[in-house]
N, C-alpha and C. Protein backbone atom coordinates (compact mmCIF):
# COMPACT_ATOMS: atom_id res chain seq x y z
N MET A 1 34.73 9.96 19.59
CA MET A 1 35.76 9.12 19.84
C MET A 1 36.41 9.60 21.18
N ASN A 2 36.18 8.69 22.18
CA ASN A 2 36.59 8.96 23.55
C ASN A 2 38.00 8.49 23.82
N ALA A 3 38.88 9.41 23.46
CA ALA A 3 40.47 9.09 23.52
C ALA A 3 41.07 10.07 24.31
N SER A 4 42.11 9.69 24.99
CA SER A 4 42.99 10.59 25.90
C SER A 4 44.35 10.52 25.25
N PHE A 5 45.00 11.66 25.34
CA PHE A 5 46.32 11.99 24.69
C PHE A 5 47.41 12.47 25.55
N LEU A 6 48.47 12.02 25.31
CA LEU A 6 49.78 12.79 25.99
C LEU A 6 50.49 13.27 24.76
N ILE A 7 50.90 14.52 24.93
CA ILE A 7 51.95 15.19 23.93
C ILE A 7 53.27 15.45 24.53
N ALA A 8 54.21 14.69 23.89
CA ALA A 8 55.66 14.94 24.41
C ALA A 8 56.44 15.68 23.46
N ASP A 9 56.66 16.85 23.68
CA ASP A 9 57.33 17.66 22.75
C ASP A 9 58.00 18.97 23.41
N ASP A 10 59.21 19.35 23.02
CA ASP A 10 59.89 20.52 23.77
C ASP A 10 59.45 21.86 23.37
N HIS A 11 58.57 21.93 22.40
CA HIS A 11 58.25 23.34 21.92
C HIS A 11 56.81 23.64 22.47
N VAL A 12 56.65 24.61 23.11
CA VAL A 12 55.26 24.84 23.74
C VAL A 12 54.25 25.06 22.66
N ILE A 13 54.75 25.83 21.55
CA ILE A 13 53.80 26.29 20.40
C ILE A 13 53.25 24.96 19.77
N VAL A 14 54.15 24.07 19.46
CA VAL A 14 53.69 22.63 19.02
C VAL A 14 52.73 21.96 19.96
N ARG A 15 52.95 21.96 21.21
CA ARG A 15 52.09 21.36 22.09
C ARG A 15 50.69 22.07 22.16
N ARG A 16 50.57 23.33 22.03
CA ARG A 16 49.44 23.92 22.18
C ARG A 16 48.60 23.81 20.70
N GLY A 17 49.40 23.75 19.67
CA GLY A 17 48.87 23.40 18.42
C GLY A 17 48.16 22.19 18.31
N LEU A 18 48.93 21.06 18.87
CA LEU A 18 48.27 19.78 18.87
C LEU A 18 47.17 19.76 19.93
N ARG A 19 47.20 20.39 20.87
CA ARG A 19 46.06 20.41 21.86
C ARG A 19 44.80 20.92 21.26
N ASN A 20 45.00 22.15 20.71
CA ASN A 20 43.71 22.72 19.80
C ASN A 20 43.13 21.75 18.88
N LEU A 21 44.14 21.07 18.06
CA LEU A 21 43.69 20.19 17.06
C LEU A 21 42.94 19.04 17.53
N LEU A 22 43.46 18.46 18.70
CA LEU A 22 42.72 17.35 19.33
C LEU A 22 41.42 17.66 19.83
N HIS A 23 41.31 18.87 20.46
CA HIS A 23 40.16 19.27 21.05
C HIS A 23 39.12 19.45 19.97
N ASP A 24 39.35 20.16 18.73
CA ASP A 24 38.59 20.43 17.73
C ASP A 24 38.19 19.27 16.93
N GLN A 25 39.15 18.35 16.63
CA GLN A 25 38.86 17.11 15.75
C GLN A 25 38.39 16.02 16.54
N PHE A 26 38.68 15.80 17.75
CA PHE A 26 38.31 14.44 18.56
C PHE A 26 37.60 14.82 19.75
N HIS A 27 37.26 16.08 19.85
CA HIS A 27 36.28 16.53 20.87
C HIS A 27 36.64 15.89 22.34
N THR A 28 37.96 16.10 22.63
CA THR A 28 38.45 15.52 23.89
C THR A 28 39.14 16.68 24.72
N SER A 29 38.97 16.68 25.89
CA SER A 29 39.76 17.80 26.72
C SER A 29 40.93 16.78 27.53
N ASP A 30 40.95 15.66 27.43
CA ASP A 30 41.88 14.83 28.04
C ASP A 30 43.14 14.88 27.43
N VAL A 31 43.85 15.85 27.58
CA VAL A 31 45.07 15.99 26.78
C VAL A 31 46.20 16.44 27.86
N GLU A 32 47.28 15.67 28.05
CA GLU A 32 48.40 16.10 28.95
C GLU A 32 49.58 16.39 28.13
N GLU A 33 50.54 17.37 28.73
CA GLU A 33 51.60 17.73 27.89
C GLU A 33 52.92 17.37 28.88
N VAL A 34 53.94 17.07 28.14
CA VAL A 34 55.33 17.03 28.78
C VAL A 34 56.33 17.60 27.91
N ALA A 35 57.64 18.01 28.31
CA ALA A 35 58.55 18.52 27.65
C ALA A 35 59.88 17.83 27.83
N THR A 36 59.99 16.85 28.66
CA THR A 36 61.14 16.31 28.94
C THR A 36 60.88 14.83 29.06
N CYS A 37 61.99 13.90 28.88
CA CYS A 37 61.95 12.48 29.02
C CYS A 37 61.53 12.14 30.36
N GLN A 38 62.14 12.69 31.42
CA GLN A 38 61.74 12.59 32.56
C GLN A 38 60.25 12.77 32.97
N GLU A 39 59.70 13.88 32.55
CA GLU A 39 58.20 14.11 32.77
C GLU A 39 57.52 13.03 32.01
N LEU A 40 57.92 12.66 30.81
CA LEU A 40 57.30 11.64 29.92
C LEU A 40 57.08 10.33 30.83
N LEU A 41 58.19 9.88 31.33
CA LEU A 41 58.26 8.50 32.10
C LEU A 41 57.37 8.66 33.24
N GLY A 42 57.45 9.84 34.07
CA GLY A 42 56.69 9.90 35.15
C GLY A 42 55.18 10.04 34.92
N SER A 43 54.83 10.70 33.84
CA SER A 43 53.35 10.86 33.52
C SER A 43 52.79 9.43 33.12
N LEU A 44 53.70 8.62 32.35
CA LEU A 44 53.11 7.30 32.00
C LEU A 44 52.88 6.43 33.22
N GLU A 45 53.70 6.47 34.27
CA GLU A 45 53.68 5.73 35.56
C GLU A 45 52.16 6.06 36.25
N LYS A 46 51.91 7.30 36.07
CA LYS A 46 50.63 7.78 36.71
C LYS A 46 49.29 7.33 35.85
N LYS A 47 49.43 7.48 34.51
CA LYS A 47 48.30 7.22 33.70
C LYS A 47 48.70 6.75 32.31
N GLU A 48 48.03 6.09 31.65
CA GLU A 48 48.28 5.52 30.39
C GLU A 48 47.27 6.06 29.35
N PRO A 49 47.52 7.11 28.52
CA PRO A 49 46.67 7.51 27.61
C PRO A 49 46.42 6.61 26.46
N SER A 50 45.30 6.77 25.60
CA SER A 50 45.06 6.14 24.37
C SER A 50 46.19 6.29 23.37
N MET A 51 46.73 7.43 23.42
CA MET A 51 47.82 7.76 22.38
C MET A 51 48.87 8.71 22.89
N LEU A 52 50.19 8.38 22.55
CA LEU A 52 51.30 9.25 22.97
C LEU A 52 51.69 9.77 21.47
N LEU A 53 51.70 11.22 21.59
CA LEU A 53 52.15 11.88 20.49
C LEU A 53 53.59 12.38 20.72
N LEU A 54 54.78 11.82 20.28
CA LEU A 54 56.08 11.71 20.67
C LEU A 54 57.11 12.33 19.77
N ASP A 55 57.77 13.45 20.18
CA ASP A 55 58.72 14.03 19.40
C ASP A 55 60.04 13.20 19.75
N LEU A 56 60.96 13.07 18.84
CA LEU A 56 62.21 12.20 19.01
C LEU A 56 63.28 12.99 19.81
N GLN A 57 63.11 14.23 20.17
CA GLN A 57 63.99 14.93 20.84
C GLN A 57 63.36 15.78 21.95
N LEU A 58 63.42 15.68 23.09
CA LEU A 58 62.97 16.35 24.10
C LEU A 58 64.02 17.25 24.82
N THR A 59 63.77 18.02 25.78
CA THR A 59 64.63 18.88 26.46
C THR A 59 65.90 18.24 27.00
N ASP A 60 65.61 17.15 27.64
CA ASP A 60 66.68 16.47 28.36
C ASP A 60 67.34 15.25 27.54
N GLY A 61 66.96 15.11 26.38
CA GLY A 61 67.53 14.00 25.59
C GLY A 61 66.67 13.25 24.49
N SER A 62 67.29 12.30 23.97
CA SER A 62 66.38 11.62 22.77
C SER A 62 65.61 10.55 23.37
N THR A 63 64.27 10.64 22.81
CA THR A 63 63.30 9.59 23.24
C THR A 63 63.49 8.26 22.65
N LEU A 64 64.39 8.19 21.70
CA LEU A 64 64.65 6.87 21.03
C LEU A 64 65.23 5.94 22.15
N ASP A 65 65.79 6.49 23.03
CA ASP A 65 66.55 5.77 24.12
C ASP A 65 65.55 5.16 24.94
N HIS A 66 64.16 5.63 25.08
CA HIS A 66 63.13 5.05 25.86
C HIS A 66 62.04 4.38 25.01
N LEU A 67 62.04 4.55 23.71
CA LEU A 67 60.82 4.17 23.02
C LEU A 67 60.53 2.72 23.11
N GLU A 68 61.47 1.87 22.89
CA GLU A 68 61.17 0.31 22.87
C GLU A 68 60.52 0.17 24.34
N ARG A 69 61.14 0.46 25.41
CA ARG A 69 60.79 0.26 26.86
C ARG A 69 59.29 0.81 26.96
N ILE A 70 58.95 2.06 26.48
CA ILE A 70 57.71 2.62 26.66
C ILE A 70 56.54 1.76 25.89
N CYS A 71 56.81 1.31 24.81
CA CYS A 71 56.03 0.51 23.91
C CYS A 71 55.82 -0.85 24.48
N LYS A 72 56.80 -1.32 25.01
CA LYS A 72 56.61 -2.72 25.78
C LYS A 72 55.82 -2.63 27.13
N ASP A 73 56.09 -1.56 27.89
CA ASP A 73 55.42 -1.33 29.23
C ASP A 73 54.00 -0.91 29.03
N HIS A 74 53.77 -0.32 27.99
CA HIS A 74 52.45 0.30 27.70
C HIS A 74 51.84 -0.20 26.37
N ALA A 75 51.68 -1.55 26.42
CA ALA A 75 51.25 -2.23 25.18
C ALA A 75 49.83 -1.77 24.57
N GLY A 76 49.00 -1.20 25.56
CA GLY A 76 47.74 -0.80 25.07
C GLY A 76 47.67 0.52 24.62
N MET A 77 48.92 1.32 24.68
CA MET A 77 48.97 2.71 24.40
C MET A 77 49.54 2.74 22.90
N ARG A 78 48.87 3.51 21.93
CA ARG A 78 49.40 3.75 20.63
C ARG A 78 50.45 4.90 20.64
N VAL A 79 51.52 4.72 20.03
CA VAL A 79 52.51 5.73 19.91
C VAL A 79 52.79 6.17 18.46
N LEU A 80 52.64 7.60 18.22
CA LEU A 80 52.66 8.15 17.08
C LEU A 80 53.84 9.16 17.18
N VAL A 81 54.93 8.82 16.42
CA VAL A 81 55.97 9.72 16.44
C VAL A 81 55.86 10.86 15.53
N TYR A 82 55.90 12.14 16.14
CA TYR A 82 55.78 13.38 15.33
C TYR A 82 57.02 14.27 15.43
N THR A 83 57.69 14.38 14.45
CA THR A 83 59.08 14.90 14.56
C THR A 83 59.52 15.54 13.27
N MET A 84 60.45 16.48 13.26
CA MET A 84 61.16 16.96 12.30
C MET A 84 62.28 16.24 11.72
N ARG A 85 62.59 14.98 12.47
CA ARG A 85 63.71 14.30 11.86
C ARG A 85 63.27 13.48 10.66
N SER A 86 64.31 13.10 9.82
CA SER A 86 64.05 12.59 8.53
C SER A 86 63.24 11.24 8.60
N GLU A 87 62.36 11.25 7.76
CA GLU A 87 61.47 10.06 7.59
C GLU A 87 62.26 8.93 7.07
N ASN A 88 63.24 9.09 5.96
CA ASN A 88 63.91 7.98 5.44
C ASN A 88 64.90 7.57 6.43
N VAL A 89 65.47 8.43 7.38
CA VAL A 89 66.30 7.71 8.43
C VAL A 89 65.49 7.06 9.70
N TYR A 90 64.38 7.63 10.13
CA TYR A 90 64.05 7.23 11.44
C TYR A 90 62.77 6.37 11.25
N ALA A 91 61.98 6.49 10.32
CA ALA A 91 60.62 5.80 10.19
C ALA A 91 60.62 4.37 10.35
N GLN A 92 61.40 3.58 9.75
CA GLN A 92 61.54 2.21 9.73
C GLN A 92 62.21 1.87 11.23
N ARG A 93 62.98 2.81 11.98
CA ARG A 93 63.63 2.46 13.17
C ARG A 93 62.59 2.57 14.17
N VAL A 94 61.79 3.62 14.29
CA VAL A 94 60.81 3.68 15.27
C VAL A 94 59.57 2.85 15.13
N LEU A 95 59.34 2.17 13.98
CA LEU A 95 58.25 1.27 13.85
C LEU A 95 58.98 -0.08 14.36
N ALA A 96 60.02 -0.38 14.00
CA ALA A 96 60.73 -1.55 14.68
C ALA A 96 60.83 -1.64 16.14
N LEU A 97 60.91 -0.39 16.77
CA LEU A 97 60.92 -0.17 18.27
C LEU A 97 59.58 -0.44 19.02
N GLY A 98 58.39 -0.34 18.13
CA GLY A 98 57.21 -0.42 18.51
C GLY A 98 56.29 0.53 18.37
N ALA A 99 56.74 1.59 17.68
CA ALA A 99 55.67 2.74 17.39
C ALA A 99 54.77 2.24 16.41
N ALA A 100 53.41 3.00 16.46
CA ALA A 100 52.46 2.57 15.59
C ALA A 100 52.39 3.40 14.28
N GLY A 101 53.21 4.60 14.42
CA GLY A 101 53.29 5.52 13.27
C GLY A 101 54.26 6.49 13.27
N PHE A 102 54.51 7.00 12.00
CA PHE A 102 55.64 8.04 11.88
C PHE A 102 55.08 9.14 11.10
N LEU A 103 55.30 10.44 11.61
CA LEU A 103 54.74 11.60 10.90
C LEU A 103 55.57 12.70 11.03
N SER A 104 55.80 13.40 9.91
CA SER A 104 56.66 14.60 9.85
C SER A 104 56.00 15.78 10.30
N LYS A 105 56.49 16.72 10.94
CA LYS A 105 55.98 18.05 11.41
C LYS A 105 55.68 18.96 10.07
N GLU A 106 56.15 18.64 9.00
CA GLU A 106 55.82 19.36 7.86
C GLU A 106 54.61 18.76 7.26
N SER A 107 53.79 17.84 7.84
CA SER A 107 52.54 17.23 7.32
C SER A 107 51.61 18.24 7.41
N SER A 108 50.56 18.19 6.51
CA SER A 108 49.50 19.07 6.56
C SER A 108 48.53 18.80 7.86
N GLU A 109 47.76 19.66 8.20
CA GLU A 109 46.66 19.38 9.28
C GLU A 109 45.90 18.20 9.02
N ASP A 110 45.49 18.10 7.70
CA ASP A 110 44.66 17.00 7.26
C ASP A 110 45.32 15.57 7.36
N GLU A 111 46.62 15.60 6.99
CA GLU A 111 47.44 14.29 7.26
C GLU A 111 47.61 14.09 8.71
N VAL A 112 47.80 15.01 9.56
CA VAL A 112 47.97 14.86 11.00
C VAL A 112 46.66 14.17 11.65
N VAL A 113 45.41 14.65 11.19
CA VAL A 113 44.25 14.14 11.54
C VAL A 113 44.10 12.68 11.19
N ARG A 114 44.42 12.49 9.88
CA ARG A 114 44.29 11.13 9.33
C ARG A 114 45.21 10.16 10.00
N ALA A 115 46.47 10.50 10.36
CA ALA A 115 47.38 9.70 10.93
C ALA A 115 47.01 9.25 12.37
N ILE A 116 46.31 10.26 13.12
CA ILE A 116 45.89 10.01 14.29
C ILE A 116 44.76 9.17 14.41
N ARG A 117 43.78 9.25 13.49
CA ARG A 117 42.66 8.42 13.38
C ARG A 117 43.11 6.85 12.96
N HIS A 118 44.12 6.81 12.02
CA HIS A 118 44.53 5.44 11.76
C HIS A 118 45.11 4.81 12.93
N VAL A 119 46.02 5.58 13.57
CA VAL A 119 46.67 4.86 14.75
C VAL A 119 45.62 4.48 15.90
N LEU A 120 44.86 5.39 16.10
CA LEU A 120 43.69 5.06 17.17
C LEU A 120 42.86 3.88 16.72
N GLN A 121 42.74 3.60 15.52
CA GLN A 121 42.03 2.50 14.97
C GLN A 121 42.80 1.26 14.92
N GLY A 122 44.15 1.25 15.42
CA GLY A 122 44.88 0.17 15.35
C GLY A 122 45.60 -0.10 14.04
N LYS A 123 45.61 0.86 13.27
CA LYS A 123 46.31 0.67 12.05
C LYS A 123 47.66 1.47 12.05
N PRO A 124 48.57 0.97 11.51
CA PRO A 124 50.04 1.47 11.39
C PRO A 124 49.83 2.77 10.39
N TYR A 125 50.70 3.86 10.66
CA TYR A 125 50.58 4.94 9.54
C TYR A 125 52.01 5.41 9.38
N ILE A 126 52.12 5.28 8.05
CA ILE A 126 53.51 6.08 7.51
C ILE A 126 52.95 6.82 6.29
N SER A 127 53.80 7.77 5.94
CA SER A 127 53.43 8.61 4.71
C SER A 127 53.66 7.87 3.47
N ASN A 128 52.84 8.13 2.31
CA ASN A 128 53.04 7.49 1.15
C ASN A 128 54.40 7.45 0.60
N GLN A 129 55.25 8.52 0.90
CA GLN A 129 56.64 8.60 0.54
C GLN A 129 57.31 7.65 1.26
N ILE A 130 57.32 7.43 2.45
CA ILE A 130 57.97 6.41 3.25
C ILE A 130 57.53 5.08 2.82
N GLU A 131 56.41 4.75 2.53
CA GLU A 131 55.72 3.51 2.16
C GLU A 131 56.53 3.20 0.88
N ASP A 132 56.65 3.96 0.00
CA ASP A 132 57.26 3.95 -1.25
C ASP A 132 58.85 3.37 -1.08
N HIS A 133 59.24 4.17 -0.25
CA HIS A 133 60.73 4.03 0.24
C HIS A 133 61.07 2.65 0.84
N LEU A 134 60.10 2.17 1.70
CA LEU A 134 60.21 1.09 2.29
C LEU A 134 60.03 -0.26 1.23
N GLN A 135 59.08 -0.02 0.33
CA GLN A 135 58.92 -1.16 -0.62
C GLN A 135 60.08 -1.22 -1.61
N GLU A 136 60.59 0.01 -2.03
CA GLU A 136 61.81 -0.15 -2.93
C GLU A 136 63.08 -0.85 -1.94
N LYS A 137 63.03 -0.45 -0.70
CA LYS A 137 64.13 -1.23 -0.01
C LYS A 137 63.90 -2.82 0.07
N VAL A 138 62.67 -3.10 0.19
CA VAL A 138 62.38 -4.53 0.21
C VAL A 138 62.73 -5.24 -1.19
N LYS A 139 62.53 -4.45 -2.25
CA LYS A 139 62.91 -4.89 -3.47
C LYS A 139 64.33 -5.13 -3.59
N ASP A 140 65.12 -4.15 -3.04
CA ASP A 140 66.41 -4.12 -3.21
C ASP A 140 67.11 -5.48 -2.47
N GLU A 141 66.38 -5.68 -1.19
CA GLU A 141 66.85 -6.81 -0.45
C GLU A 141 66.50 -8.02 -1.20
N GLU A 142 65.37 -8.06 -1.84
CA GLU A 142 64.98 -9.29 -2.51
C GLU A 142 65.98 -9.64 -3.66
N SER A 143 66.50 -8.37 -4.40
CA SER A 143 67.33 -8.66 -5.54
C SER A 143 68.71 -9.11 -5.01
N LEU A 144 69.11 -8.73 -3.91
CA LEU A 144 70.30 -9.33 -3.33
C LEU A 144 70.32 -10.69 -2.90
N ALA A 145 69.13 -11.12 -2.42
CA ALA A 145 68.80 -12.51 -2.01
C ALA A 145 68.58 -13.43 -3.35
N ASN A 146 68.02 -12.78 -4.31
CA ASN A 146 67.67 -13.49 -5.52
C ASN A 146 67.98 -12.71 -6.78
N PRO A 147 69.38 -12.62 -7.27
CA PRO A 147 69.68 -11.74 -8.38
C PRO A 147 69.02 -12.05 -9.56
N PHE A 148 68.53 -13.19 -9.70
CA PHE A 148 67.74 -13.65 -10.87
C PHE A 148 66.34 -12.89 -11.12
N SER A 149 65.88 -12.22 -9.88
CA SER A 149 64.60 -11.44 -9.99
C SER A 149 64.72 -10.27 -10.88
N LEU A 150 65.94 -9.80 -11.13
CA LEU A 150 66.17 -8.64 -11.94
C LEU A 150 66.02 -8.99 -13.49
N LEU A 151 66.06 -10.13 -13.78
CA LEU A 151 65.83 -10.54 -15.25
C LEU A 151 64.33 -10.57 -15.84
N SER A 152 64.22 -10.30 -17.05
CA SER A 152 62.86 -10.31 -17.57
C SER A 152 62.78 -11.80 -18.01
N ASP A 153 61.44 -12.06 -18.23
CA ASP A 153 61.05 -13.46 -18.75
C ASP A 153 61.87 -13.88 -19.96
N ARG A 154 61.99 -13.13 -20.95
CA ARG A 154 62.84 -13.38 -22.10
C ARG A 154 64.38 -13.79 -21.73
N GLU A 155 64.82 -12.82 -20.83
CA GLU A 155 66.24 -12.97 -20.41
C GLU A 155 66.38 -14.34 -19.66
N ILE A 156 65.45 -14.74 -18.79
CA ILE A 156 65.31 -15.89 -18.20
C ILE A 156 65.40 -17.19 -19.04
N GLY A 157 64.63 -16.97 -20.21
CA GLY A 157 64.58 -18.05 -21.14
C GLY A 157 65.93 -18.17 -21.93
N VAL A 158 66.66 -17.05 -22.22
CA VAL A 158 67.91 -17.07 -22.90
C VAL A 158 68.90 -17.64 -21.97
N MET A 159 68.94 -17.41 -20.64
CA MET A 159 69.82 -17.84 -19.63
C MET A 159 69.64 -19.35 -19.51
N ASP A 160 68.38 -19.88 -19.48
CA ASP A 160 68.17 -21.36 -19.32
C ASP A 160 68.73 -21.96 -20.46
N ASP A 161 68.63 -21.58 -21.56
CA ASP A 161 69.28 -22.19 -22.76
C ASP A 161 70.58 -22.27 -22.81
N LEU A 162 71.33 -21.07 -22.34
CA LEU A 162 72.72 -21.07 -22.24
C LEU A 162 73.24 -22.04 -21.32
N LEU A 163 72.53 -22.10 -20.17
CA LEU A 163 72.95 -23.00 -19.19
C LEU A 163 72.75 -24.55 -19.58
N ALA A 164 71.82 -24.59 -20.63
CA ALA A 164 71.58 -26.04 -21.19
C ALA A 164 72.54 -26.44 -22.22
N GLY A 165 73.55 -25.47 -22.56
CA GLY A 165 74.55 -25.81 -23.51
C GLY A 165 74.27 -25.26 -24.85
N LEU A 166 73.21 -24.55 -25.11
CA LEU A 166 72.92 -23.88 -26.37
C LEU A 166 73.57 -22.74 -26.70
N GLY A 167 74.04 -22.41 -27.91
CA GLY A 167 74.79 -21.19 -28.47
C GLY A 167 73.60 -20.20 -28.77
N VAL A 168 74.14 -19.01 -29.18
CA VAL A 168 73.31 -17.94 -29.53
C VAL A 168 72.49 -18.24 -30.75
N LYS A 169 73.08 -18.82 -31.75
CA LYS A 169 72.31 -19.24 -32.99
C LYS A 169 71.16 -20.20 -32.81
N ALA A 170 71.53 -21.28 -31.96
CA ALA A 170 70.47 -22.38 -31.75
C ALA A 170 69.38 -21.74 -30.96
N ILE A 171 69.61 -20.83 -29.90
CA ILE A 171 68.71 -20.23 -29.24
C ILE A 171 67.78 -19.25 -30.03
N ALA A 172 68.46 -18.56 -30.87
CA ALA A 172 67.61 -17.67 -31.86
C ALA A 172 66.70 -18.44 -32.57
N LEU A 173 67.09 -19.58 -33.23
CA LEU A 173 66.35 -20.63 -33.92
C LEU A 173 65.21 -21.14 -33.21
N ARG A 174 65.51 -21.53 -31.90
CA ARG A 174 64.31 -21.95 -31.09
C ARG A 174 63.41 -20.93 -30.70
N MET A 175 63.81 -19.76 -30.44
CA MET A 175 62.75 -18.73 -30.11
C MET A 175 62.23 -17.81 -31.36
N GLY A 176 62.69 -18.17 -32.44
CA GLY A 176 62.23 -17.64 -33.56
C GLY A 176 62.69 -15.96 -33.55
N LEU A 177 64.05 -15.79 -33.23
CA LEU A 177 64.59 -14.43 -33.00
C LEU A 177 65.77 -14.36 -33.89
N GLN A 178 66.33 -13.10 -34.11
CA GLN A 178 67.40 -12.92 -34.83
C GLN A 178 68.79 -13.19 -33.88
N PRO A 179 69.71 -13.72 -34.29
CA PRO A 179 70.88 -13.94 -33.47
C PRO A 179 71.24 -12.75 -32.85
N SER A 180 71.34 -11.52 -33.54
CA SER A 180 71.69 -10.23 -32.93
C SER A 180 70.75 -9.98 -31.67
N THR A 181 69.51 -10.38 -31.83
CA THR A 181 68.49 -10.08 -30.55
C THR A 181 68.83 -10.94 -29.32
N VAL A 182 69.11 -12.25 -29.61
CA VAL A 182 69.52 -13.10 -28.67
C VAL A 182 70.77 -12.55 -27.93
N ALA A 183 71.84 -12.22 -28.81
CA ALA A 183 73.04 -11.71 -28.10
C ALA A 183 72.78 -10.47 -27.30
N THR A 184 71.81 -9.54 -27.73
CA THR A 184 71.58 -8.49 -26.95
C THR A 184 70.95 -9.01 -25.52
N TYR A 185 70.01 -9.93 -25.49
CA TYR A 185 69.37 -10.47 -24.25
C TYR A 185 70.58 -10.99 -23.45
N LYS A 186 71.53 -11.69 -24.06
CA LYS A 186 72.76 -12.23 -23.35
C LYS A 186 73.42 -11.34 -22.64
N ALA A 187 73.82 -10.34 -23.36
CA ALA A 187 74.58 -9.24 -22.76
C ALA A 187 73.96 -8.43 -21.62
N ARG A 188 72.73 -8.27 -21.80
CA ARG A 188 71.94 -7.65 -20.65
C ARG A 188 71.86 -8.47 -19.45
N LEU A 189 71.58 -9.86 -19.73
CA LEU A 189 71.54 -10.57 -18.42
C LEU A 189 72.88 -10.76 -17.80
N PHE A 190 73.88 -10.84 -18.68
CA PHE A 190 75.38 -10.88 -17.89
C PHE A 190 75.48 -9.63 -17.08
N GLU A 191 75.16 -8.36 -17.70
CA GLU A 191 75.22 -7.21 -17.00
C GLU A 191 74.51 -7.12 -15.73
N LYS A 192 73.33 -7.45 -15.81
CA LYS A 192 72.36 -7.50 -14.66
C LYS A 192 72.92 -8.45 -13.40
N LEU A 193 73.48 -9.48 -13.93
CA LEU A 193 73.96 -10.48 -12.92
C LEU A 193 75.30 -10.27 -12.54
N GLY A 194 76.07 -9.38 -13.17
CA GLY A 194 77.51 -8.96 -12.68
C GLY A 194 78.34 -10.17 -13.16
N VAL A 195 78.13 -10.82 -14.31
CA VAL A 195 78.92 -11.86 -14.86
C VAL A 195 79.47 -11.72 -16.16
N SER A 196 80.69 -12.22 -16.53
CA SER A 196 81.22 -11.82 -17.79
C SER A 196 81.38 -12.96 -18.72
N ASN A 197 81.05 -14.20 -18.24
CA ASN A 197 81.06 -15.39 -19.21
C ASN A 197 80.32 -16.48 -18.70
N LEU A 198 80.15 -17.51 -19.49
CA LEU A 198 79.33 -18.62 -19.16
C LEU A 198 79.67 -19.33 -17.93
N LEU A 199 80.94 -19.48 -17.63
CA LEU A 199 81.35 -20.25 -16.58
C LEU A 199 80.90 -19.52 -15.21
N ASP A 200 81.09 -18.22 -15.18
CA ASP A 200 80.47 -17.33 -14.04
C ASP A 200 78.96 -17.53 -13.93
N LEU A 201 78.25 -17.50 -15.07
CA LEU A 201 76.86 -17.65 -14.83
C LEU A 201 76.52 -18.96 -14.45
N GLN A 202 77.34 -20.09 -14.85
CA GLN A 202 77.13 -21.48 -14.26
C GLN A 202 77.18 -21.52 -12.65
N ARG A 203 78.19 -20.90 -12.32
CA ARG A 203 78.55 -20.75 -10.87
C ARG A 203 77.55 -20.12 -10.15
N MET A 204 77.08 -18.98 -10.55
CA MET A 204 76.11 -18.21 -9.93
C MET A 204 74.71 -19.01 -9.96
N ALA A 205 74.36 -19.55 -11.01
CA ALA A 205 73.15 -20.48 -11.01
C ALA A 205 73.18 -21.62 -10.10
N LYS A 206 74.37 -22.29 -9.84
CA LYS A 206 74.61 -23.39 -8.90
C LYS A 206 74.38 -22.77 -7.49
N ALA A 207 75.05 -21.53 -7.25
CA ALA A 207 74.96 -20.92 -5.89
C ALA A 207 73.52 -20.57 -5.58
N HIS A 208 72.71 -20.22 -6.47
CA HIS A 208 71.41 -19.86 -6.27
C HIS A 208 70.43 -20.79 -6.85
N ARG A 209 70.70 -22.10 -6.83
CA ARG A 209 70.03 -23.13 -7.59
C ARG A 209 68.32 -23.09 -7.23
N HIS A 210 68.10 -22.85 -5.94
CA HIS A 210 66.55 -22.75 -5.54
C HIS A 210 65.92 -21.64 -6.27
N HIS A 211 66.72 -20.68 -6.80
CA HIS A 211 65.96 -19.55 -7.47
C HIS A 211 65.99 -19.74 -8.98
N VAL A 212 66.51 -20.66 -9.39
CA VAL A 212 66.74 -20.91 -10.95
C VAL A 212 66.01 -22.29 -11.29
N GLY A 213 65.14 -22.20 -12.38
CA GLY A 213 64.37 -23.41 -12.76
C GLY A 213 63.48 -23.78 -11.61
């Protein structure tokens, strides 16, 4: 793989470790190092590498202040953020600013190599933990947009019958269930939707009519 790299990190031992890893795994000697934001910007003006391995904190400040500009000005360069900062706090933010990946410095050597390969191939990279976290966040946002997504199929059926004017006994007869079972479904759907009576349920259903029925 004929790739060039720029390592931006304020710790010399980290830079040396990454340089050795890149040499061994990617058979490249085209590796530059910088320790400050000023050096980083100056280096990029002279030469654009295939990949920038970027810590979020350099000697003279935070690279978050420059990340969006760097990604826009050097669209052909892949940026992999490699940092001790919290994945949960920073991963989504740096990806939104244009980085191609986020990697914790606590990652194993195998994962570092895997992340670099992914990013060089044009694939975004985040850890499995962060991917799960982001998926959960999407689900939470969908639940806020559509509270009825929290309901099971049977709870949706009970809700539809309640909105149609049926009582618990009539719903139980229609579904072939015990009235106590239907009452349990009713209590659960009320709790999930945060309503306490049928009138509130009707108001919510009206407000979210495109999600109901």
